[in-house]
Amino acid sequence: MSRGRFSPLDLKGTLDVEHMSSTSRIQHDLWPLDGIDPKKAKFPCCLIWTPLPVVSWLAPFIGHVGICREDGTILDFSGSNSVNVDDFTFGSAARYLQLDRQQCCFPPNLAGHTCKHGYKHSEYGTAITWDDALQSSMRHFDHKTYNLFTCNCHSFVANCLNRLCYGGSMDWNMIDVAVLILFKGHWIDWKSIVKSFLPFTVVLCLGIVLVGWPALVGLLSFTLLLMGWFLLGTYCFKSLLEC
């Protein structure tokens, strides 16, 4: 072979080395996480949930959610133009679910996507680390108006998961986030269960004693209306809940 020229095999080898180098850099960022520590309110790479005043008293499966950085710091969207940092708005977490960073896509460039949404993911906003994705979502929600029915804490968490392309999906929405924490979340302890369901039980018992069975019908109607709104807004009228 003449000097200064490369064969296709040489070129392939070079590309393989570059790909391995990029992959190594990505994996290097996934350093070990500290343990979950509810007493210090540290939940590395977790979704967390706590009941909402009044709303959870009437529908106990509805609550406030947040997402945590790699060091366990809690981020949650609970007011217009602001994302709280290390100050979970409605008290301590009652449930948590730790997510797997290996299921995220952290591309160093367009060719480095591990998900199937390369161009779409790049246009939406990619990140090279977990915390980088959360920071991008924070900047996005720093200019958003909070509304319980259209742009809320679940919207913020869904936005983070889409930037991470968690689980290879970019279709995360409020319903997905609620279902994920509802069916896969872990309770902190028995006190968290009591905190979540005692107010609803008291309201239900008082309603039946003072009003009778119509109180049960009223609570059920409230729950169905709330669920109907989010389901229709998410899957039928998407523009209503986009934020």
C-alpha atoms as a PDB file:
ATOM      1  CA  MET A   1       0.000   0.000   0.000  1.00  0.00           C
ATOM      2  CA  SER A   2       1.314   3.441  -0.881  1.00  0.00           C
ATOM      3  CA  ARG A   3       2.336   5.792   1.845  1.00  0.00           C
ATOM      4  CA  GLY A   4      -0.285   8.248   3.148  1.00  0.00           C
ATOM      5  CA  ARG A   5      -3.288   6.247   1.890  1.00  0.00           C
ATOM      6  CA  PHE A   6      -5.871   4.375   4.004  1.00  0.00           C
ATOM      7  CA  SER A   7      -7.740   1.209   3.190  1.00  0.00           C
ATOM      8  CA  PRO A   8     -11.443   0.770   4.032  1.00  0.00           C
ATOM      9  CA  LEU A   9     -10.395  -1.558   6.864  1.00  0.00           C
ATOM     10  CA  ASP A  10      -8.206   1.169   8.368  1.00  0.00           C
ATOM     11  CA  LEU A  11     -11.093   3.644   8.161  1.00  0.00           C
ATOM     12  CA  LYS A  12     -13.507   1.181   9.763  1.00  0.00           C
ATOM     13  CA  GLY A  13     -11.040   0.542  12.557  1.00  0.00           C
ATOM     14  CA  THR A  14     -10.669   4.254  13.201  1.00  0.00           C
ATOM     15  CA  LEU A  15     -14.443   4.734  13.362  1.00  0.00           C
ATOM     16  CA  ASP A  16     -14.787   1.772  15.730  1.00  0.00           C
ATOM     17  CA  VAL A  17     -12.185   3.260  18.049  1.00  0.00           C
ATOM     18  CA  GLU A  18     -13.931   6.649  17.983  1.00  0.00           C
ATOM     19  CA  HIS A  19     -17.280   4.990  18.714  1.00  0.00           C
ATOM     20  CA  MET A  20     -15.792   3.045  21.638  1.00  0.00           C
ATOM     21  CA  SER A  21     -14.192   6.212  22.942  1.00  0.00           C
ATOM     22  CA  SER A  22     -17.507   8.095  22.818  1.00  0.00           C
ATOM     23  CA  THR A  23     -19.307   5.226  24.514  1.00  0.00           C
ATOM     24  CA  SER A  24     -16.657   5.094  27.219  1.00  0.00           C
ATOM     25  CA  ARG A  25     -17.074   8.803  27.897  1.00  0.00           C
ATOM     26  CA  ILE A  26     -20.841   8.386  28.209  1.00  0.00           C
ATOM     27  CA  GLN A  27     -20.510   5.422  30.567  1.00  0.00           C
ATOM     28  CA  HIS A  28     -17.929   7.306  32.605  1.00  0.00           C
ATOM     29  CA  ASP A  29     -20.552   9.926  33.399  1.00  0.00           C
ATOM     30  CA  LEU A  30     -22.763   7.290  35.019  1.00  0.00           C
ATOM     31  CA  TRP A  31     -20.916   7.303  38.306  1.00  0.00           C
ATOM     32  CA  PRO A  32     -22.376   5.328  41.252  1.00  0.00           C
ATOM     33  CA  LEU A  33     -25.250   7.028  43.021  1.00  0.00           C
ATOM     34  CA  ASP A  34     -25.532   7.590  46.743  1.00  0.00           C
ATOM     35  CA  GLY A  35     -28.201   5.677  48.600  1.00  0.00           C
ATOM     36  CA  ILE A  36     -31.751   6.934  49.015  1.00  0.00           C
ATOM     37  CA  ASP A  37     -32.102   8.821  52.296  1.00  0.00           C
ATOM     38  CA  PRO A  38     -35.692   9.943  53.086  1.00  0.00           C
ATOM     39  CA  LYS A  39     -34.602  11.584  56.355  1.00  0.00           C
ATOM     40  CA  LYS A  40     -32.360  13.985  54.436  1.00  0.00           C
ATOM     41  CA  ALA A  41     -34.830  14.171  51.525  1.00  0.00           C
ATOM     42  CA  LYS A  42     -32.248  12.779  49.094  1.00  0.00           C
ATOM     43  CA  PHE A  43     -33.557  10.585  46.278  1.00  0.00           C
ATOM     44  CA  PRO A  44     -30.918  10.188  43.529  1.00  0.00           C
ATOM     45  CA  CYS A  45     -32.484   9.892  40.038  1.00  0.00           C
ATOM     46  CA  CYS A  46     -35.946   9.320  41.494  1.00  0.00           C
ATOM     47  CA  LEU A  47     -39.493  10.425  40.866  1.00  0.00           C
ATOM     48  CA  ILE A  48     -41.173  11.363  44.131  1.00  0.00           C
ATOM     49  CA  TRP A  49     -44.823  11.901  45.083  1.00  0.00           C
ATOM     50  CA  THR A  50     -46.724  13.473  47.944  1.00  0.00           C
ATOM     51  CA  PRO A  51     -50.443  14.173  48.480  1.00  0.00           C
ATOM     52  CA  LEU A  52     -51.904  17.530  47.504  1.00  0.00           C
ATOM     53  CA  PRO A  53     -53.937  19.504  50.060  1.00  0.00           C
ATOM     54  CA  VAL A  54     -57.700  19.347  49.365  1.00  0.00           C
ATOM     55  CA  VAL A  55     -57.334  17.611  45.978  1.00  0.00           C
ATOM     56  CA  SER A  56     -55.866  14.416  47.472  1.00  0.00           C
ATOM     57  CA  TRP A  57     -58.482  14.549  50.238  1.00  0.00           C
ATOM     58  CA  LEU A  58     -61.092  13.997  47.534  1.00  0.00           C
ATOM     59  CA  ALA A  59     -59.054  11.819  45.141  1.00  0.00           C
ATOM     60  CA  PRO A  60     -56.148  10.176  47.028  1.00  0.00           C
ATOM     61  CA  PHE A  61     -54.386   8.849  43.922  1.00  0.00           C
ATOM     62  CA  ILE A  62     -53.775  12.398  42.684  1.00  0.00           C
ATOM     63  CA  GLY A  63     -50.779  14.221  44.131  1.00  0.00           C
ATOM     64  CA  HIS A  64     -47.732  16.374  43.564  1.00  0.00           C
ATOM     65  CA  VAL A  65     -44.646  14.942  41.837  1.00  0.00           C
ATOM     66  CA  GLY A  66     -41.022  15.949  41.476  1.00  0.00           C
ATOM     67  CA  ILE A  67     -37.855  14.584  39.939  1.00  0.00           C
ATOM     68  CA  CYS A  68     -34.426  14.430  41.552  1.00  0.00           C
ATOM     69  CA  ARG A  69     -30.881  15.090  40.406  1.00  0.00           C
ATOM     70  CA  GLU A  70     -28.104  12.549  40.620  1.00  0.00           C
ATOM     71  CA  ASP A  71     -27.104  13.878  44.043  1.00  0.00           C
ATOM     72  CA  GLY A  72     -30.687  13.447  45.283  1.00  0.00           C
ATOM     73  CA  THR A  73     -31.723  17.119  45.178  1.00  0.00           C
ATOM     74  CA  ILE A  74     -35.468  17.488  44.545  1.00  0.00           C
ATOM     75  CA  LEU A  75     -36.804  19.631  41.690  1.00  0.00           C
ATOM     76  CA  ASP A  76     -40.516  20.387  41.350  1.00  0.00           C
ATOM     77  CA  PHE A  77     -42.688  22.807  39.404  1.00  0.00           C
ATOM     78  CA  SER A  78     -45.399  24.300  41.606  1.00  0.00           C
ATOM     79  CA  GLY A  79     -45.608  27.973  40.638  1.00  0.00           C
ATOM     80  CA  SER A  80     -45.429  30.157  37.586  1.00  0.00           C
ATOM     81  CA  ASN A  81     -41.962  30.929  36.189  1.00  0.00           C
ATOM     82  CA  SER A  82     -40.253  28.924  38.887  1.00  0.00           C
ATOM     83  CA  VAL A  83     -38.917  25.429  39.601  1.00  0.00           C
ATOM     84  CA  ASN A  84     -38.209  24.733  43.251  1.00  0.00           C
ATOM     85  CA  VAL A  85     -34.790  23.336  44.129  1.00  0.00           C
ATOM     86  CA  ASP A  86     -34.364  21.200  47.260  1.00  0.00           C
ATOM     87  CA  ASP A  87     -37.691  22.418  48.668  1.00  0.00           C
ATOM     88  CA  PHE A  88     -40.515  19.988  47.899  1.00  0.00           C
ATOM     89  CA  THR A  89     -43.564  22.215  47.932  1.00  0.00           C
ATOM     90  CA  PHE A  90     -46.177  20.170  49.784  1.00  0.00           C
ATOM     91  CA  GLY A  91     -44.077  18.482  52.425  1.00  0.00           C
ATOM     92  CA  SER A  92     -41.964  15.356  52.572  1.00  0.00           C
ATOM     93  CA  ALA A  93     -42.174  12.661  49.910  1.00  0.00           C
ATOM     94  CA  ALA A  94     -44.585   9.786  50.506  1.00  0.00           C
ATOM     95  CA  ARG A  95     -43.590   7.617  47.540  1.00  0.00           C
ATOM     96  CA  TYR A  96     -40.547   7.312  45.328  1.00  0.00           C
ATOM     97  CA  LEU A  97     -39.401   5.445  42.243  1.00  0.00           C
ATOM     98  CA  GLN A  98     -35.730   5.308  41.269  1.00  0.00           C
ATOM     99  CA  LEU A  99     -35.167   5.358  37.511  1.00  0.00           C
ATOM    100  CA  ASP A 100     -32.401   3.583  35.607  1.00  0.00           C
ATOM    101  CA  ARG A 101     -29.982   5.929  33.831  1.00  0.00           C
ATOM    102  CA  GLN A 102     -29.038   3.092  31.496  1.00  0.00           C
ATOM    103  CA  GLN A 103     -32.489   3.526  29.919  1.00  0.00           C
ATOM    104  CA  CYS A 104     -31.701   7.131  28.960  1.00  0.00           C
ATOM    105  CA  CYS A 105     -30.124   8.417  25.751  1.00  0.00           C
ATOM    106  CA  PHE A 106     -27.081  10.667  26.326  1.00  0.00           C
ATOM    107  CA  PRO A 107     -25.715  11.339  22.806  1.00  0.00           C
ATOM    108  CA  PRO A 108     -22.443  13.297  22.495  1.00  0.00           C
ATOM    109  CA  ASN A 109     -23.455  14.050  18.887  1.00  0.00           C
ATOM    110  CA  LEU A 110     -26.137  13.136  16.345  1.00  0.00           C
ATOM    111  CA  ALA A 111     -24.391   9.867  15.511  1.00  0.00           C
ATOM    112  CA  GLY A 112     -24.204   8.901  19.161  1.00  0.00           C
ATOM    113  CA  HIS A 113     -27.911   8.410  19.808  1.00  0.00           C
ATOM    114  CA  THR A 114     -28.802   5.116  21.451  1.00  0.00           C
ATOM    115  CA  CYS A 115     -32.529   5.776  20.945  1.00  0.00           C
ATOM    116  CA  LYS A 116     -34.498   5.479  17.710  1.00  0.00           C
ATOM    117  CA  HIS A 117     -35.531   9.144  17.737  1.00  0.00           C
ATOM    118  CA  GLY A 118     -32.205  10.691  16.709  1.00  0.00           C
ATOM    119  CA  TYR A 119     -33.370  13.801  14.829  1.00  0.00           C
ATOM    120  CA  LYS A 120     -36.539  14.279  16.873  1.00  0.00           C
ATOM    121  CA  HIS A 121     -34.578  13.940  20.096  1.00  0.00           C
ATOM    122  CA  SER A 122     -31.984  16.464  18.908  1.00  0.00           C
ATOM    123  CA  GLU A 123     -34.652  18.990  17.921  1.00  0.00           C
ATOM    124  CA  TYR A 124     -36.466  18.567  21.226  1.00  0.00           C
ATOM    125  CA  GLY A 125     -33.273  18.987  23.221  1.00  0.00           C
ATOM    126  CA  THR A 126     -30.765  16.320  24.115  1.00  0.00           C
ATOM    127  CA  ALA A 127     -28.494  16.074  27.130  1.00  0.00           C
ATOM    128  CA  ILE A 128     -25.214  14.323  27.850  1.00  0.00           C
ATOM    129  CA  THR A 129     -26.016  13.671  31.521  1.00  0.00           C
ATOM    130  CA  TRP A 130     -29.078  13.198  33.712  1.00  0.00           C
ATOM    131  CA  ASP A 131     -28.584  16.538  35.453  1.00  0.00           C
ATOM    132  CA  ASP A 132     -28.064  18.299  32.128  1.00  0.00           C
ATOM    133  CA  ALA A 133     -31.522  17.167  30.962  1.00  0.00           C
ATOM    134  CA  LEU A 134     -33.147  18.355  34.180  1.00  0.00           C
ATOM    135  CA  GLN A 135     -31.390  21.713  33.912  1.00  0.00           C
ATOM    136  CA  SER A 136     -32.720  22.170  30.360  1.00  0.00           C
ATOM    137  CA  SER A 137     -36.268  21.466  31.540  1.00  0.00           C
ATOM    138  CA  MET A 138     -35.834  23.933  34.397  1.00  0.00           C
ATOM    139  CA  ARG A 139     -34.871  26.678  31.942  1.00  0.00           C
ATOM    140  CA  HIS A 140     -37.906  25.790  29.820  1.00  0.00           C
ATOM    141  CA  PHE A 141     -40.332  25.961  32.766  1.00  0.00           C
ATOM    142  CA  ASP A 142     -38.827  29.167  34.120  1.00  0.00           C
ATOM    143  CA  HIS A 143     -41.073  30.860  31.523  1.00  0.00           C
ATOM    144  CA  LYS A 144     -44.211  28.791  32.050  1.00  0.00           C
ATOM    145  CA  THR A 145     -47.399  29.703  33.902  1.00  0.00           C
ATOM    146  CA  TYR A 146     -48.462  27.082  36.416  1.00  0.00           C
ATOM    147  CA  ASN A 147     -51.991  25.729  36.135  1.00  0.00           C
ATOM    148  CA  LEU A 148     -53.237  22.640  37.950  1.00  0.00           C
ATOM    149  CA  PHE A 149     -55.341  21.559  34.967  1.00  0.00           C
ATOM    150  CA  THR A 150     -53.093  22.358  31.996  1.00  0.00           C
ATOM    151  CA  CYS A 151     -49.454  22.880  32.993  1.00  0.00           C
ATOM    152  CA  ASN A 152     -48.439  21.363  36.299  1.00  0.00           C
ATOM    153  CA  CYS A 153     -45.787  19.339  38.112  1.00  0.00           C
ATOM    154  CA  HIS A 154     -46.535  16.258  36.011  1.00  0.00           C
ATOM    155  CA  SER A 155     -45.878  18.306  32.859  1.00  0.00           C
ATOM    156  CA  PHE A 156     -42.432  19.245  34.154  1.00  0.00           C
ATOM    157  CA  VAL A 157     -41.491  15.652  34.977  1.00  0.00           C
ATOM    158  CA  ALA A 158     -42.765  14.446  31.582  1.00  0.00           C
ATOM    159  CA  ASN A 159     -40.647  17.119  29.889  1.00  0.00           C
ATOM    160  CA  CYS A 160     -37.573  15.854  31.755  1.00  0.00           C
ATOM    161  CA  LEU A 161     -38.252  12.248  30.743  1.00  0.00           C
ATOM    162  CA  ASN A 162     -38.665  13.271  27.095  1.00  0.00           C
ATOM    163  CA  ARG A 163     -35.334  15.085  27.130  1.00  0.00           C
ATOM    164  CA  LEU A 164     -33.783  11.953  28.605  1.00  0.00           C
ATOM    165  CA  CYS A 165     -35.695   9.812  26.073  1.00  0.00           C
ATOM    166  CA  TYR A 166     -36.260   7.539  29.041  1.00  0.00           C
ATOM    167  CA  GLY A 167     -37.103   3.987  28.078  1.00  0.00           C
ATOM    168  CA  GLY A 168     -36.538   4.897  24.437  1.00  0.00           C
ATOM    169  CA  SER A 169     -39.725   6.992  24.403  1.00  0.00           C
ATOM    170  CA  MET A 170     -40.356  10.661  23.683  1.00  0.00           C
ATOM    171  CA  ASP A 171     -44.106  10.433  24.261  1.00  0.00           C
ATOM    172  CA  TRP A 172     -44.138  10.917  28.017  1.00  0.00           C
ATOM    173  CA  ASN A 173     -47.122  12.920  29.292  1.00  0.00           C
ATOM    174  CA  MET A 174     -48.923  13.697  32.541  1.00  0.00           C
ATOM    175  CA  ILE A 175     -50.925  10.459  32.510  1.00  0.00           C
ATOM    176  CA  ASP A 176     -47.794   8.347  31.943  1.00  0.00           C
ATOM    177  CA  VAL A 177     -46.007   9.997  34.859  1.00  0.00           C
ATOM    178  CA  ALA A 178     -49.006   9.540  37.173  1.00  0.00           C
ATOM    179  CA  VAL A 179     -49.413   5.869  36.214  1.00  0.00           C
ATOM    180  CA  LEU A 180     -45.682   5.183  36.596  1.00  0.00           C
ATOM    181  CA  ILE A 181     -45.476   6.473  40.152  1.00  0.00           C
ATOM    182  CA  LEU A 182     -48.908   5.074  41.083  1.00  0.00           C
ATOM    183  CA  PHE A 183     -48.203   1.478  40.085  1.00  0.00           C
ATOM    184  CA  LYS A 184     -44.429   1.231  40.513  1.00  0.00           C
ATOM    185  CA  GLY A 185     -43.705   3.721  43.285  1.00  0.00           C
ATOM    186  CA  HIS A 186     -42.567   2.558  46.730  1.00  0.00           C
ATOM    187  CA  TRP A 187     -43.962   3.939  49.965  1.00  0.00           C
ATOM    188  CA  ILE A 188     -41.429   5.587  52.267  1.00  0.00           C
ATOM    189  CA  ASP A 189     -42.987   4.005  55.374  1.00  0.00           C
ATOM    190  CA  TRP A 190     -46.349   3.292  56.988  1.00  0.00           C
ATOM    191  CA  LYS A 191     -46.668   6.911  58.110  1.00  0.00           C
ATOM    192  CA  SER A 192     -46.643   7.982  54.466  1.00  0.00           C
ATOM    193  CA  ILE A 193     -49.571   5.668  53.745  1.00  0.00           C
ATOM    194  CA  VAL A 194     -51.513   7.138  56.655  1.00  0.00           C
ATOM    195  CA  LYS A 195     -50.699  10.698  55.525  1.00  0.00           C
ATOM    196  CA  SER A 196     -51.937   9.906  52.037  1.00  0.00           C
ATOM    197  CA  PHE A 197     -55.207   8.145  52.854  1.00  0.00           C
ATOM    198  CA  LEU A 198     -56.323   9.381  56.293  1.00  0.00           C
ATOM    199  CA  PRO A 199     -57.712  12.748  55.088  1.00  0.00           C
ATOM    200  CA  PHE A 200     -59.689  11.031  52.311  1.00  0.00           C
ATOM    201  CA  THR A 201     -61.047   8.478  54.792  1.00  0.00           C
ATOM    202  CA  VAL A 202     -62.114  11.232  57.189  1.00  0.00           C
ATOM    203  CA  VAL A 203     -63.814  13.225  54.400  1.00  0.00           C
ATOM    204  CA  LEU A 204     -65.565  10.106  53.132  1.00  0.00           C
ATOM    205  CA  CYS A 205     -66.817   9.089  56.612  1.00  0.00           C
ATOM    206  CA  LEU A 206     -67.986  12.608  57.478  1.00  0.00           C
ATOM    207  CA  GLY A 207     -69.741  12.897  54.136  1.00  0.00           C
ATOM    208  CA  ILE A 208     -71.610   9.632  54.620  1.00  0.00           C
ATOM    209  CA  VAL A 209     -72.551  10.522  58.226  1.00  0.00           C
ATOM    210  CA  LEU A 210     -73.698  14.077  57.433  1.00  0.00           C
ATOM    211  CA  VAL A 211     -75.049  13.742  53.906  1.00  0.00           C
ATOM    212  CA  GLY A 212     -75.458  10.050  53.305  1.00  0.00           C
ATOM    213  CA  TRP A 213     -74.684   8.055  50.197  1.00  0.00           C
ATOM    214  CA  PRO A 214     -74.910  11.128  47.915  1.00  0.00           C
ATOM    215  CA  ALA A 215     -71.535  12.132  49.390  1.00  0.00           C
ATOM    216  CA  LEU A 216     -70.018   8.956  47.969  1.00  0.00           C
ATOM    217  CA  VAL A 217     -71.612   9.694  44.608  1.00  0.00           C
ATOM    218  CA  GLY A 218     -70.219  13.229  44.754  1.00  0.00           C
ATOM    219  CA  LEU A 219     -66.667  12.049  45.445  1.00  0.00           C
ATOM    220  CA  LEU A 220     -66.884   9.488  42.668  1.00  0.00           C
ATOM    221  CA  SER A 221     -68.216  12.121  40.249  1.00  0.00           C
ATOM    222  CA  PHE A 222     -65.379  14.498  41.143  1.00  0.00           C
ATOM    223  CA  THR A 223     -62.823  11.757  40.524  1.00  0.00           C
ATOM    224  CA  LEU A 224     -64.337  10.762  37.184  1.00  0.00           C
ATOM    225  CA  LEU A 225     -64.553  14.375  35.990  1.00  0.00           C
ATOM    226  CA  LEU A 226     -60.928  15.008  36.920  1.00  0.00           C
ATOM    227  CA  MET A 227     -59.756  11.822  35.233  1.00  0.00           C
ATOM    228  CA  GLY A 228     -61.880  12.567  32.178  1.00  0.00           C
ATOM    229  CA  TRP A 229     -60.365  16.025  31.806  1.00  0.00           C
ATOM    230  CA  PHE A 230     -56.770  14.780  31.851  1.00  0.00           C
ATOM    231  CA  LEU A 231     -57.490  11.794  29.618  1.00  0.00           C
ATOM    232  CA  LEU A 232     -59.302  13.877  26.994  1.00  0.00           C
ATOM    233  CA  GLY A 233     -56.758  16.681  27.200  1.00  0.00           C
ATOM    234  CA  THR A 234     -53.833  14.269  26.861  1.00  0.00           C
ATOM    235  CA  TYR A 235     -55.071  11.969  24.136  1.00  0.00           C
ATOM    236  CA  CYS A 236     -57.848  13.834  22.284  1.00  0.00           C
ATOM    237  CA  PHE A 237     -57.076  17.557  22.599  1.00  0.00           C
ATOM    238  CA  LYS A 238     -53.314  17.584  23.085  1.00  0.00           C
ATOM    239  CA  SER A 239     -53.026  21.327  22.555  1.00  0.00           C
ATOM    240  CA  LEU A 240     -54.961  21.884  25.793  1.00  0.00           C
ATOM    241  CA  LEU A 241     -52.232  20.365  27.953  1.00  0.00           C
ATOM    242  CA  GLU A 242     -49.107  21.333  26.025  1.00  0.00           C
ATOM    243  CA  CYS A 243     -46.772  23.555  27.982  1.00  0.00           C
END
